[in-house]
């Protein structure tokens, strides 16, 4: 698939061929149709976020269509139009179990770019 990437902090982003995402257990693969690039993407590009691994695909605020989904996932199907939250919940802490998924602990679970293969390019491995 094609994706906007940057291989070094502050380097010019380019469009590159990257591996297609693989369906993770309990997850989905989403074909991204639109994405936003926001201030946190700029901070990632500047090297201000120590959790960003290079090369990096910016664009974590996106909408798309489910292309592939684990049969164990209920409530969604191939072809559904979806979006993903900016903050990923861990699904296991006391806050998540109580339904307060915007307050996950540890704090490292609040924004986990490693969970995304990229918004701008077109693949989210999904999963929660």
Protein backbone atom coordinates (compact mmCIF):
# COMPACT_ATOMS: atom_id res chain seq x y z
CA UNK A 1 0.00 0.00 0.00
CA UNK A 2 1.05 3.61 -0.39
CA UNK A 3 1.54 5.79 2.66
CA UNK A 4 2.92 9.17 3.58
CA UNK A 5 5.99 8.47 5.73
CA UNK A 6 8.97 10.18 7.23
CA UNK A 7 12.19 8.30 7.91
CA UNK A 8 13.91 10.94 10.01
CA UNK A 9 12.75 13.66 12.33
CA UNK A 10 12.20 16.96 10.47
CA UNK A 11 12.92 15.24 7.12
CA UNK A 12 10.59 15.85 4.18
CA UNK A 13 7.69 13.36 4.25
CA UNK A 14 7.37 11.20 1.14
CA UNK A 15 4.83 8.84 -0.36
CA UNK A 16 6.20 5.31 -0.20
CA UNK A 17 5.15 1.71 -0.66
CA UNK A 18 4.80 0.01 2.73
CA UNK A 19 3.68 -3.45 3.78
CA UNK A 20 -0.04 -4.06 3.98
CA UNK A 21 -1.24 -4.48 7.55
CA UNK A 22 -1.89 -8.01 8.77
CA UNK A 23 -5.07 -8.91 10.57
CA UNK A 24 -4.30 -9.17 14.29
CA UNK A 25 -6.19 -11.58 16.55
CA UNK A 26 -9.33 -9.84 17.78
CA UNK A 27 -8.87 -6.91 15.40
CA UNK A 28 -9.64 -5.49 12.00
CA UNK A 29 -7.86 -4.01 9.01
CA UNK A 30 -9.28 -0.67 7.90
CA UNK A 31 -8.78 0.91 4.47
CA UNK A 32 -8.33 4.56 5.33
CA UNK A 33 -10.35 6.93 3.14
CA UNK A 34 -9.57 10.21 4.94
CA UNK A 35 -7.22 11.34 7.67
CA UNK A 36 -6.21 14.45 9.50
CA UNK A 37 -2.68 15.50 10.29
CA UNK A 38 -2.69 17.50 13.50
CA UNK A 39 -0.36 19.16 15.96
CA UNK A 40 0.61 15.86 17.62
CA UNK A 41 1.73 14.60 14.18
CA UNK A 42 3.87 17.73 13.90
CA UNK A 43 5.40 16.98 17.32
CA UNK A 44 6.11 13.41 16.17
CA UNK A 45 7.77 14.75 13.01
CA UNK A 46 9.86 17.16 15.09
CA UNK A 47 11.07 14.31 17.34
CA UNK A 48 9.33 15.61 20.47
CA UNK A 49 7.56 12.30 21.16
CA UNK A 50 9.85 9.53 22.38
CA UNK A 51 7.23 6.86 21.56
CA UNK A 52 7.48 7.47 17.79
CA UNK A 53 9.53 4.86 15.94
CA UNK A 54 10.98 5.57 12.50
CA UNK A 55 9.95 5.27 9.77
CA UNK A 56 6.62 6.73 10.84
CA UNK A 57 3.26 7.12 9.10
CA UNK A 58 1.43 10.20 10.43
CA UNK A 59 -2.32 10.58 10.60
CA UNK A 60 -3.96 8.96 13.61
CA UNK A 61 -7.34 10.68 13.21
CA UNK A 62 -8.94 8.83 10.35
CA UNK A 63 -12.06 7.30 8.85
CA UNK A 64 -12.28 4.30 6.58
CA UNK A 65 -13.91 1.01 5.69
CA UNK A 66 -13.32 -2.38 7.30
CA UNK A 67 -11.55 -4.62 4.77
CA UNK A 68 -10.87 -7.61 6.97
CA UNK A 69 -12.05 -8.57 10.45
CA UNK A 70 -11.40 -11.37 12.91
CA UNK A 71 -14.53 -13.57 13.17
CA UNK A 72 -14.36 -13.20 16.96
CA UNK A 73 -15.11 -9.46 16.67
CA UNK A 74 -18.82 -8.80 17.13
CA UNK A 75 -20.82 -5.76 16.09
CA UNK A 76 -18.78 -4.94 12.98
CA UNK A 77 -18.42 -6.48 9.54
CA UNK A 78 -16.45 -6.08 6.33
CA UNK A 79 -17.68 -2.98 4.52
CA UNK A 80 -18.64 -1.03 7.65
CA UNK A 81 -17.55 2.61 7.69
CA UNK A 82 -15.57 3.28 10.86
CA UNK A 83 -13.22 5.64 12.64
CA UNK A 84 -10.78 5.08 15.48
CA UNK A 85 -10.29 6.99 18.71
CA UNK A 86 -7.33 9.28 19.24
CA UNK A 87 -6.73 7.63 22.62
CA UNK A 88 -6.56 3.85 22.72
CA UNK A 89 -7.75 2.16 25.88
CA UNK A 90 -5.83 -0.72 27.40
CA UNK A 91 -9.07 -2.63 28.04
CA UNK A 92 -7.82 -4.16 31.27
CA UNK A 93 -7.32 -1.46 33.92
CA UNK A 94 -9.96 -0.46 36.49
CA UNK A 95 -10.95 2.58 34.43
CA UNK A 96 -11.53 0.60 31.24
CA UNK A 97 -13.46 -2.11 33.08
CA UNK A 98 -15.71 0.63 34.51
CA UNK A 99 -16.35 2.04 31.03
CA UNK A 100 -14.07 5.07 31.41
CA UNK A 101 -11.85 4.20 28.47
CA UNK A 102 -10.51 7.74 28.16
CA UNK A 103 -8.71 7.32 31.49
CA UNK A 104 -6.63 4.16 30.98
CA UNK A 105 -3.71 3.31 33.19
CA UNK A 106 -0.80 3.19 32.84
CA UNK A 107 -0.53 6.60 31.23
CA UNK A 108 1.51 5.08 28.37
CA UNK A 109 -1.71 3.50 27.07
CA UNK A 110 -3.27 6.92 26.43
CA UNK A 111 -1.68 7.43 23.05
CA UNK A 112 -0.11 4.37 21.52
CA UNK A 113 1.06 5.08 17.99
CA UNK A 114 2.55 1.60 17.74
CA UNK A 115 -1.04 0.32 17.58
CA UNK A 116 -1.46 2.11 14.24
CA UNK A 117 0.23 1.32 10.99
CA UNK A 118 -0.84 4.73 9.85
CA UNK A 119 -3.71 6.92 8.98
CA UNK A 120 -2.35 8.67 5.93
CA UNK A 121 -1.37 5.49 4.17
CA UNK A 122 -4.36 3.31 4.72
CA UNK A 123 -4.01 0.62 7.33
CA UNK A 124 -4.99 0.23 10.94
CA UNK A 125 -4.45 -3.14 12.55
CA UNK A 126 -7.19 -2.25 15.01
CA UNK A 127 -7.70 -4.39 18.06
CA UNK A 128 -8.58 -3.46 21.62
